[in-house]
Amino acid sequence: MERQQPKGAHEATEQAAGQFIVSVGKRKTAIARAYIRPGSGRVRINGTPLELIPMEVVRLKIMEPLIIAGDAVRNVVDIDVNVKGGGFMGQAEAARMAIARGLVEFFSKCVLDQSPEGCERSRAVAEKLKALYNEYDRTMLAGDYRRTEPEKYMRYSARRRWQTSYR
């Protein structure tokens, strides 16, 4: 027997789903999902505020898309990123890609302002962000296809062979 939803529940879930953008970034074996919604500039990585991440290199790598976009863009969105797999640098680059892709998608879908002129302004911001990200570093949006080469049979690693003695 099917459970009936209360009246208006379907519309409420559709409305809530339209309020945020989900984007994915991958680097090596790390996968990051960024949830971007209208807000006040809060950024969390696996539930931890970005400012509390101990390694400065990782923090700056994750902040790159926000620094390039500027405070006008950063202060109108809240970003929650879930990252798993890989090492800390791969996770940072995956999170960076997810944030950059998410910001472009967020502004191209007119989440903040639904009016025609607001939507046009938002799409212009998305195009500008896309151009800035591509100019700074193409892998922010396009990704890096390189993967580790698998280890071969009867070898120590992908390329390393047994040492041979000729004398």
N, C-alpha and C. Protein backbone atom coordinates (compact mmCIF):
# COMPACT_ATOMS: atom_id res chain seq x y z
N MET A 1 0.84 -1.18 0.00
CA MET A 1 0.00 0.00 0.00
C MET A 1 0.89 1.25 0.00
N GLU A 2 0.59 2.18 -0.89
CA GLU A 2 1.39 3.40 -1.01
C GLU A 2 1.08 4.38 0.09
N ARG A 3 2.13 5.02 0.57
CA ARG A 3 1.95 6.07 1.56
C ARG A 3 1.60 7.36 0.86
N GLN A 4 0.60 8.05 1.36
CA GLN A 4 0.21 9.31 0.74
C GLN A 4 0.98 10.46 1.38
N GLN A 5 1.44 11.36 0.51
CA GLN A 5 2.12 12.55 1.01
C GLN A 5 1.08 13.61 1.33
N PRO A 6 1.36 14.46 2.30
CA PRO A 6 0.43 15.55 2.58
C PRO A 6 0.33 16.49 1.38
N LYS A 7 -0.77 17.19 1.30
CA LYS A 7 -0.98 18.10 0.18
C LYS A 7 0.10 19.18 0.17
N GLY A 8 0.63 19.42 -1.01
CA GLY A 8 1.65 20.46 -1.17
C GLY A 8 3.06 19.99 -0.83
N ALA A 9 3.22 18.74 -0.39
CA ALA A 9 4.55 18.26 -0.01
C ALA A 9 5.45 18.14 -1.23
N HIS A 10 4.89 17.70 -2.37
CA HIS A 10 5.68 17.54 -3.58
C HIS A 10 6.20 18.89 -4.06
N GLU A 11 5.33 19.90 -4.03
CA GLU A 11 5.76 21.23 -4.46
C GLU A 11 6.84 21.78 -3.52
N ALA A 12 6.71 21.50 -2.23
CA ALA A 12 7.68 22.00 -1.26
C ALA A 12 9.06 21.38 -1.50
N THR A 13 9.09 20.07 -1.80
CA THR A 13 10.38 19.44 -2.05
C THR A 13 10.99 19.94 -3.36
N GLU A 14 10.18 20.17 -4.38
CA GLU A 14 10.69 20.72 -5.63
C GLU A 14 11.24 22.11 -5.41
N GLN A 15 10.55 22.92 -4.61
CA GLN A 15 10.98 24.28 -4.34
C GLN A 15 12.30 24.27 -3.57
N ALA A 16 12.41 23.38 -2.58
CA ALA A 16 13.64 23.29 -1.80
C ALA A 16 14.79 22.78 -2.66
N ALA A 17 14.50 21.86 -3.59
CA ALA A 17 15.55 21.33 -4.45
C ALA A 17 16.07 22.40 -5.40
N GLY A 18 15.24 23.34 -5.77
CA GLY A 18 15.66 24.40 -6.67
C GLY A 18 16.46 25.47 -5.99
N GLN A 19 16.57 25.43 -4.67
CA GLN A 19 17.26 26.48 -3.93
C GLN A 19 18.77 26.27 -3.85
N PHE A 20 19.28 25.11 -4.20
CA PHE A 20 20.73 24.91 -4.16
C PHE A 20 21.21 24.13 -5.37
N ILE A 21 22.49 24.28 -5.64
CA ILE A 21 23.13 23.64 -6.78
C ILE A 21 24.12 22.61 -6.25
N VAL A 22 24.14 21.43 -6.86
CA VAL A 22 25.11 20.39 -6.49
C VAL A 22 26.08 20.24 -7.66
N SER A 23 27.37 20.34 -7.36
CA SER A 23 28.37 20.15 -8.41
C SER A 23 29.42 19.16 -7.92
N VAL A 24 30.07 18.50 -8.87
CA VAL A 24 31.03 17.45 -8.55
C VAL A 24 32.39 17.80 -9.13
N GLY A 25 33.43 17.54 -8.35
CA GLY A 25 34.80 17.71 -8.83
C GLY A 25 35.59 16.46 -8.51
N LYS A 26 36.46 16.04 -9.43
CA LYS A 26 37.27 14.84 -9.22
C LYS A 26 38.73 15.16 -9.50
N ARG A 27 39.60 14.55 -8.71
CA ARG A 27 41.04 14.65 -8.95
C ARG A 27 41.67 13.37 -8.45
N LYS A 28 42.35 12.64 -9.33
CA LYS A 28 42.90 11.33 -9.03
C LYS A 28 41.79 10.44 -8.46
N THR A 29 41.88 10.04 -7.20
CA THR A 29 40.81 9.20 -6.64
C THR A 29 39.92 9.95 -5.68
N ALA A 30 40.11 11.26 -5.56
CA ALA A 30 39.28 12.07 -4.65
C ALA A 30 38.04 12.57 -5.38
N ILE A 31 36.91 12.52 -4.70
CA ILE A 31 35.65 13.01 -5.26
C ILE A 31 35.05 14.01 -4.28
N ALA A 32 34.68 15.19 -4.79
CA ALA A 32 34.10 16.24 -3.95
C ALA A 32 32.73 16.63 -4.50
N ARG A 33 31.78 16.80 -3.59
CA ARG A 33 30.45 17.32 -3.95
C ARG A 33 30.26 18.64 -3.24
N ALA A 34 29.95 19.68 -4.00
CA ALA A 34 29.73 21.00 -3.42
C ALA A 34 28.25 21.34 -3.50
N TYR A 35 27.68 21.74 -2.38
CA TYR A 35 26.29 22.18 -2.31
C TYR A 35 26.32 23.69 -2.13
N ILE A 36 25.85 24.42 -3.14
CA ILE A 36 25.91 25.88 -3.12
C ILE A 36 24.50 26.43 -3.04
N ARG A 37 24.26 27.28 -2.02
CA ARG A 37 22.94 27.87 -1.82
C ARG A 37 23.10 29.35 -1.48
N PRO A 38 22.07 30.14 -1.65
CA PRO A 38 22.16 31.55 -1.25
C PRO A 38 22.45 31.66 0.23
N GLY A 39 23.32 32.58 0.61
CA GLY A 39 23.69 32.69 2.02
C GLY A 39 24.54 33.91 2.30
N SER A 40 25.47 33.75 3.24
CA SER A 40 26.24 34.90 3.71
C SER A 40 27.75 34.70 3.57
N GLY A 41 28.20 33.71 2.82
CA GLY A 41 29.63 33.53 2.60
C GLY A 41 30.27 32.45 3.44
N ARG A 42 29.48 31.56 4.03
CA ARG A 42 30.02 30.48 4.86
C ARG A 42 30.52 29.33 3.97
N VAL A 43 31.72 28.84 4.23
CA VAL A 43 32.28 27.72 3.46
C VAL A 43 32.69 26.64 4.44
N ARG A 44 32.18 25.42 4.24
CA ARG A 44 32.51 24.29 5.11
C ARG A 44 33.00 23.12 4.27
N ILE A 45 34.05 22.47 4.74
CA ILE A 45 34.60 21.29 4.09
C ILE A 45 34.40 20.12 5.06
N ASN A 46 33.59 19.15 4.67
CA ASN A 46 33.24 18.02 5.54
C ASN A 46 32.77 18.49 6.91
N GLY A 47 32.00 19.56 6.95
CA GLY A 47 31.44 20.08 8.19
C GLY A 47 32.36 21.02 8.96
N THR A 48 33.61 21.18 8.53
CA THR A 48 34.56 22.05 9.20
C THR A 48 34.65 23.39 8.47
N PRO A 49 34.57 24.51 9.18
CA PRO A 49 34.74 25.80 8.49
C PRO A 49 36.10 25.88 7.80
N LEU A 50 36.12 26.48 6.63
CA LEU A 50 37.33 26.55 5.82
C LEU A 50 38.49 27.21 6.57
N GLU A 51 38.18 28.19 7.41
CA GLU A 51 39.23 28.92 8.13
C GLU A 51 39.96 28.04 9.15
N LEU A 52 39.33 26.93 9.57
CA LEU A 52 39.93 26.06 10.59
C LEU A 52 40.74 24.91 10.01
N ILE A 53 40.87 24.84 8.69
CA ILE A 53 41.69 23.79 8.09
C ILE A 53 43.15 24.11 8.39
N PRO A 54 43.89 23.17 9.00
CA PRO A 54 45.23 23.49 9.51
C PRO A 54 46.28 23.77 8.44
N MET A 55 46.27 23.07 7.32
CA MET A 55 47.32 23.25 6.31
C MET A 55 46.99 24.43 5.41
N GLU A 56 47.86 25.41 5.42
CA GLU A 56 47.60 26.65 4.68
C GLU A 56 47.58 26.43 3.16
N VAL A 57 48.44 25.55 2.66
CA VAL A 57 48.49 25.27 1.23
C VAL A 57 47.15 24.72 0.76
N VAL A 58 46.60 23.79 1.53
CA VAL A 58 45.31 23.18 1.19
C VAL A 58 44.21 24.23 1.26
N ARG A 59 44.23 25.05 2.31
CA ARG A 59 43.20 26.09 2.48
C ARG A 59 43.21 27.06 1.31
N LEU A 60 44.41 27.51 0.91
CA LEU A 60 44.51 28.45 -0.21
C LEU A 60 44.10 27.81 -1.53
N LYS A 61 44.41 26.52 -1.71
CA LYS A 61 44.02 25.82 -2.93
C LYS A 61 42.50 25.75 -3.05
N ILE A 62 41.82 25.48 -1.92
CA ILE A 62 40.36 25.41 -1.93
C ILE A 62 39.75 26.79 -2.12
N MET A 63 40.42 27.83 -1.59
CA MET A 63 39.88 29.19 -1.67
C MET A 63 40.10 29.86 -3.03
N GLU A 64 40.93 29.29 -3.90
CA GLU A 64 41.25 29.93 -5.18
C GLU A 64 40.03 30.40 -5.97
N PRO A 65 39.00 29.55 -6.18
CA PRO A 65 37.85 30.03 -6.95
C PRO A 65 37.14 31.21 -6.28
N LEU A 66 37.12 31.23 -4.95
CA LEU A 66 36.45 32.31 -4.23
C LEU A 66 37.27 33.60 -4.29
N ILE A 67 38.59 33.47 -4.21
CA ILE A 67 39.46 34.65 -4.29
C ILE A 67 39.36 35.28 -5.68
N ILE A 68 39.38 34.44 -6.71
CA ILE A 68 39.27 34.94 -8.09
C ILE A 68 37.92 35.60 -8.32
N ALA A 69 36.85 35.00 -7.78
CA ALA A 69 35.50 35.54 -7.98
C ALA A 69 35.31 36.87 -7.26
N GLY A 70 35.96 37.05 -6.13
CA GLY A 70 35.84 38.30 -5.38
C GLY A 70 34.79 38.23 -4.29
N ASP A 71 34.79 39.26 -3.43
CA ASP A 71 33.88 39.29 -2.29
C ASP A 71 32.42 39.45 -2.69
N ALA A 72 32.16 40.11 -3.82
CA ALA A 72 30.77 40.30 -4.25
C ALA A 72 30.08 38.96 -4.51
N VAL A 73 30.82 38.01 -5.03
CA VAL A 73 30.26 36.67 -5.29
C VAL A 73 30.32 35.83 -4.03
N ARG A 74 31.43 35.89 -3.30
CA ARG A 74 31.62 35.04 -2.13
C ARG A 74 30.60 35.32 -1.03
N ASN A 75 30.23 36.56 -0.84
CA ASN A 75 29.36 36.93 0.28
C ASN A 75 27.87 36.68 0.03
N VAL A 76 27.50 36.15 -1.12
CA VAL A 76 26.07 35.88 -1.38
C VAL A 76 25.76 34.39 -1.42
N VAL A 77 26.78 33.53 -1.22
CA VAL A 77 26.54 32.08 -1.27
C VAL A 77 27.12 31.39 -0.04
N ASP A 78 26.48 30.29 0.35
CA ASP A 78 27.02 29.37 1.36
C ASP A 78 27.42 28.10 0.63
N ILE A 79 28.58 27.57 0.95
CA ILE A 79 29.09 26.40 0.25
C ILE A 79 29.41 25.31 1.27
N ASP A 80 28.83 24.14 1.06
CA ASP A 80 29.15 22.95 1.86
C ASP A 80 29.76 21.92 0.92
N VAL A 81 30.96 21.45 1.24
CA VAL A 81 31.66 20.50 0.38
C VAL A 81 31.88 19.20 1.15
N ASN A 82 31.53 18.08 0.54
CA ASN A 82 31.82 16.76 1.09
C ASN A 82 32.88 16.12 0.20
N VAL A 83 34.01 15.75 0.79
CA VAL A 83 35.11 15.17 0.03
C VAL A 83 35.46 13.81 0.60
N LYS A 84 35.75 12.85 -0.28
CA LYS A 84 36.22 11.55 0.18
C LYS A 84 37.20 10.96 -0.83
N GLY A 85 38.04 10.06 -0.36
CA GLY A 85 39.01 9.40 -1.22
C GLY A 85 40.25 10.23 -1.45
N GLY A 86 41.33 9.57 -1.84
CA GLY A 86 42.55 10.27 -2.20
C GLY A 86 43.31 10.84 -1.03
N GLY A 87 44.33 11.62 -1.33
CA GLY A 87 45.13 12.29 -0.31
C GLY A 87 44.65 13.70 -0.09
N PHE A 88 45.31 14.43 0.79
CA PHE A 88 44.82 15.76 1.15
C PHE A 88 44.92 16.75 -0.02
N MET A 89 45.96 16.63 -0.86
CA MET A 89 46.10 17.57 -1.97
C MET A 89 45.10 17.24 -3.09
N GLY A 90 44.89 15.96 -3.34
CA GLY A 90 43.89 15.55 -4.32
C GLY A 90 42.50 15.99 -3.89
N GLN A 91 42.22 15.86 -2.59
CA GLN A 91 40.93 16.30 -2.06
C GLN A 91 40.77 17.81 -2.21
N ALA A 92 41.85 18.56 -1.96
CA ALA A 92 41.79 20.02 -2.09
C ALA A 92 41.50 20.42 -3.53
N GLU A 93 42.15 19.76 -4.49
CA GLU A 93 41.93 20.11 -5.89
C GLU A 93 40.55 19.67 -6.35
N ALA A 94 40.04 18.56 -5.83
CA ALA A 94 38.68 18.13 -6.16
C ALA A 94 37.66 19.12 -5.60
N ALA A 95 37.87 19.58 -4.37
CA ALA A 95 36.97 20.57 -3.76
C ALA A 95 37.02 21.88 -4.53
N ARG A 96 38.21 22.29 -4.94
CA ARG A 96 38.38 23.52 -5.72
C ARG A 96 37.59 23.44 -7.03
N MET A 97 37.69 22.29 -7.71
CA MET A 97 36.97 22.12 -8.97
C MET A 97 35.46 22.13 -8.74
N ALA A 98 35.00 21.46 -7.69
CA ALA A 98 33.56 21.42 -7.40
C ALA A 98 33.03 22.82 -7.10
N ILE A 99 33.79 23.61 -6.34
CA ILE A 99 33.36 24.97 -6.00
C ILE A 99 33.30 25.84 -7.26
N ALA A 100 34.34 25.76 -8.10
CA ALA A 100 34.39 26.59 -9.31
C ALA A 100 33.24 26.23 -10.25
N ARG A 101 33.03 24.93 -10.48
CA ARG A 101 31.92 24.51 -11.35
C ARG A 101 30.58 24.92 -10.77
N GLY A 102 30.45 24.76 -9.46
CA GLY A 102 29.19 25.09 -8.79
C GLY A 102 28.86 26.56 -8.87
N LEU A 103 29.86 27.44 -8.69
CA LEU A 103 29.61 28.88 -8.77
C LEU A 103 29.15 29.29 -10.16
N VAL A 104 29.79 28.72 -11.19
CA VAL A 104 29.39 29.04 -12.57
C VAL A 104 27.95 28.58 -12.81
N GLU A 105 27.63 27.37 -12.36
CA GLU A 105 26.27 26.84 -12.55
C GLU A 105 25.24 27.62 -11.73
N PHE A 106 25.62 28.00 -10.50
CA PHE A 106 24.73 28.73 -9.61
C PHE A 106 24.28 30.04 -10.25
N PHE A 107 25.23 30.78 -10.81
CA PHE A 107 24.88 32.07 -11.41
C PHE A 107 24.26 31.92 -12.79
N SER A 108 24.55 30.84 -13.51
CA SER A 108 23.93 30.66 -14.82
C SER A 108 22.48 30.21 -14.70
N LYS A 109 22.11 29.61 -13.55
CA LYS A 109 20.72 29.16 -13.36
C LYS A 109 19.85 30.18 -12.65
N CYS A 110 20.37 31.37 -12.37
CA CYS A 110 19.60 32.48 -11.79
C CYS A 110 18.93 32.10 -10.48
N VAL A 111 19.66 31.49 -9.56
CA VAL A 111 19.08 31.07 -8.29
C VAL A 111 18.76 32.27 -7.40
N LEU A 112 19.60 33.30 -7.45
CA LEU A 112 19.41 34.45 -6.56
C LEU A 112 18.24 35.33 -6.96
N ASP A 113 18.15 35.67 -8.24
CA ASP A 113 17.14 36.63 -8.70
C ASP A 113 16.43 36.05 -9.92
N GLN A 114 15.12 35.83 -9.81
CA GLN A 114 14.36 35.21 -10.89
C GLN A 114 13.83 36.21 -11.92
N SER A 115 13.92 37.51 -11.63
CA SER A 115 13.40 38.51 -12.57
C SER A 115 14.25 38.50 -13.84
N PRO A 116 13.68 38.92 -14.98
CA PRO A 116 14.42 38.87 -16.25
C PRO A 116 15.74 39.65 -16.23
N GLU A 117 15.72 40.88 -15.69
CA GLU A 117 16.96 41.66 -15.67
C GLU A 117 17.96 41.09 -14.66
N GLY A 118 17.46 40.57 -13.54
CA GLY A 118 18.33 39.94 -12.54
C GLY A 118 18.95 38.67 -13.09
N CYS A 119 18.18 37.93 -13.86
CA CYS A 119 18.67 36.69 -14.46
C CYS A 119 19.74 36.99 -15.51
N GLU A 120 19.50 38.04 -16.28
CA GLU A 120 20.48 38.44 -17.30
C GLU A 120 21.80 38.87 -16.65
N ARG A 121 21.69 39.62 -15.55
CA ARG A 121 22.87 40.06 -14.81
C ARG A 121 23.62 38.85 -14.23
N SER A 122 22.86 37.90 -13.71
CA SER A 122 23.44 36.70 -13.11
C SER A 122 24.16 35.86 -14.17
N ARG A 123 23.58 35.74 -15.35
CA ARG A 123 24.23 34.98 -16.43
C ARG A 123 25.51 35.66 -16.90
N ALA A 124 25.51 37.00 -16.88
CA ALA A 124 26.73 37.74 -17.25
C ALA A 124 27.84 37.46 -16.23
N VAL A 125 27.47 37.38 -14.95
CA VAL A 125 28.45 37.05 -13.90
C VAL A 125 28.99 35.64 -14.13
N ALA A 126 28.11 34.70 -14.51
CA ALA A 126 28.54 33.32 -14.76
C ALA A 126 29.53 33.25 -15.91
N GLU A 127 29.26 33.98 -16.99
CA GLU A 127 30.18 33.99 -18.13
C GLU A 127 31.53 34.61 -17.75
N LYS A 128 31.47 35.67 -16.95
CA LYS A 128 32.71 36.32 -16.50
C LYS A 128 33.52 35.37 -15.62
N LEU A 129 32.84 34.67 -14.70
CA LEU A 129 33.52 33.70 -13.84
C LEU A 129 34.17 32.59 -14.67
N LYS A 130 33.44 32.09 -15.65
CA LYS A 130 33.95 31.02 -16.50
C LYS A 130 35.22 31.47 -17.23
N ALA A 131 35.19 32.70 -17.76
CA ALA A 131 36.36 33.23 -18.46
C ALA A 131 37.54 33.41 -17.50
N LEU A 132 37.27 33.92 -16.30
CA LEU A 132 38.33 34.12 -15.31
C LEU A 132 38.97 32.80 -14.90
N TYR A 133 38.14 31.79 -14.64
CA TYR A 133 38.65 30.48 -14.23
C TYR A 133 39.47 29.84 -15.34
N ASN A 134 39.00 29.93 -16.59
CA ASN A 134 39.75 29.34 -17.70
C ASN A 134 41.07 30.06 -17.93
N GLU A 135 41.08 31.37 -17.73
CA GLU A 135 42.31 32.13 -17.90
C GLU A 135 43.32 31.81 -16.80
N TYR A 136 42.84 31.68 -15.56
CA TYR A 136 43.73 31.41 -14.43
C TYR A 136 44.28 29.99 -14.48
N ASP A 137 43.37 29.01 -14.55
CA ASP A 137 43.78 27.60 -14.58
C ASP A 137 42.64 26.79 -15.17
N ARG A 138 42.88 26.21 -16.33
CA ARG A 138 41.84 25.50 -17.06
C ARG A 138 41.28 24.30 -16.27
N THR A 139 42.12 23.69 -15.42
CA THR A 139 41.68 22.50 -14.69
C THR A 139 40.65 22.81 -13.61
N MET A 140 40.39 24.09 -13.34
CA MET A 140 39.35 24.43 -12.37
C MET A 140 37.98 23.99 -12.87
N LEU A 141 37.76 24.06 -14.18
CA LEU A 141 36.47 23.67 -14.74
C LEU A 141 36.57 22.36 -15.54
N ALA A 142 37.67 22.17 -16.26
CA ALA A 142 37.77 21.04 -17.18
C ALA A 142 38.26 19.77 -16.50
N GLY A 143 39.04 19.89 -15.45
CA GLY A 143 39.54 18.70 -14.77
C GLY A 143 40.87 18.26 -15.34
N ASP A 144 41.47 17.30 -14.68
CA ASP A 144 42.77 16.76 -15.07
C ASP A 144 42.59 15.26 -15.26
N TYR A 145 42.74 14.80 -16.49
CA TYR A 145 42.43 13.42 -16.81
C TYR A 145 43.51 12.44 -16.36
N ARG A 146 44.68 12.92 -15.92
CA ARG A 146 45.78 12.02 -15.58
C ARG A 146 45.43 11.15 -14.37
N ARG A 147 45.75 9.88 -14.48
CA ARG A 147 45.54 8.93 -13.39
C ARG A 147 46.84 8.15 -13.18
N THR A 148 46.97 7.49 -12.04
CA THR A 148 48.18 6.71 -11.80
C THR A 148 48.16 5.46 -12.69
N GLU A 149 49.31 5.14 -13.24
CA GLU A 149 49.42 3.98 -14.11
C GLU A 149 49.40 2.71 -13.24
N PRO A 150 48.64 1.70 -13.64
CA PRO A 150 48.56 0.49 -12.81
C PRO A 150 49.88 -0.30 -12.82
N GLU A 151 50.09 -1.01 -11.74
CA GLU A 151 51.29 -1.83 -11.61
C GLU A 151 51.19 -3.04 -12.53
N LYS A 152 52.31 -3.41 -13.17
CA LYS A 152 52.32 -4.52 -14.12
C LYS A 152 52.76 -5.82 -13.44
N TYR A 153 52.47 -6.91 -14.11
CA TYR A 153 52.82 -8.25 -13.63
C TYR A 153 54.33 -8.41 -13.57
N MET A 154 54.84 -8.98 -12.48
CA MET A 154 56.26 -9.26 -12.27
C MET A 154 57.12 -7.99 -12.23
N ARG A 155 56.56 -6.89 -11.77
CA ARG A 155 57.34 -5.66 -11.61
C ARG A 155 57.06 -5.08 -10.24
N TYR A 156 57.96 -4.21 -9.78
CA TYR A 156 57.78 -3.56 -8.49
C TYR A 156 56.72 -2.46 -8.57
N SER A 157 56.69 -1.76 -9.70
CA SER A 157 55.72 -0.68 -9.88
C SER A 157 55.31 -0.67 -11.34
N ALA A 158 54.77 0.42 -11.83
CA ALA A 158 54.29 0.47 -13.20
C ALA A 158 55.43 0.31 -14.21
N ARG A 159 56.59 0.91 -13.93
CA ARG A 159 57.71 0.87 -14.89
C ARG A 159 58.95 0.15 -14.37
N ARG A 160 59.13 0.09 -13.07
CA ARG A 160 60.35 -0.47 -12.47
C ARG A 160 60.44 -1.96 -12.71
N ARG A 161 61.63 -2.40 -13.22
CA ARG A 161 61.85 -3.82 -13.48
C ARG A 161 62.86 -4.38 -12.48
N TRP A 162 63.04 -5.71 -12.56
CA TRP A 162 64.06 -6.36 -11.74
C TRP A 162 65.43 -5.89 -12.20
N GLN A 163 66.34 -5.73 -11.24
CA GLN A 163 67.71 -5.35 -11.59
C GLN A 163 68.41 -6.55 -12.21
N THR A 164 69.12 -6.31 -13.30
CA THR A 164 69.84 -7.40 -13.94
C THR A 164 71.34 -7.18 -13.82
N SER A 165 72.08 -8.28 -13.74
CA SER A 165 73.53 -8.19 -13.65
C SER A 165 74.11 -8.81 -14.91
N TYR A 166 75.01 -8.10 -15.55
CA TYR A 166 75.57 -8.58 -16.81
C TYR A 166 76.97 -9.17 -16.62
N ARG A 167 77.55 -9.06 -15.45
CA ARG A 167 78.89 -9.61 -15.22
C ARG A 167 78.91 -10.43 -13.96
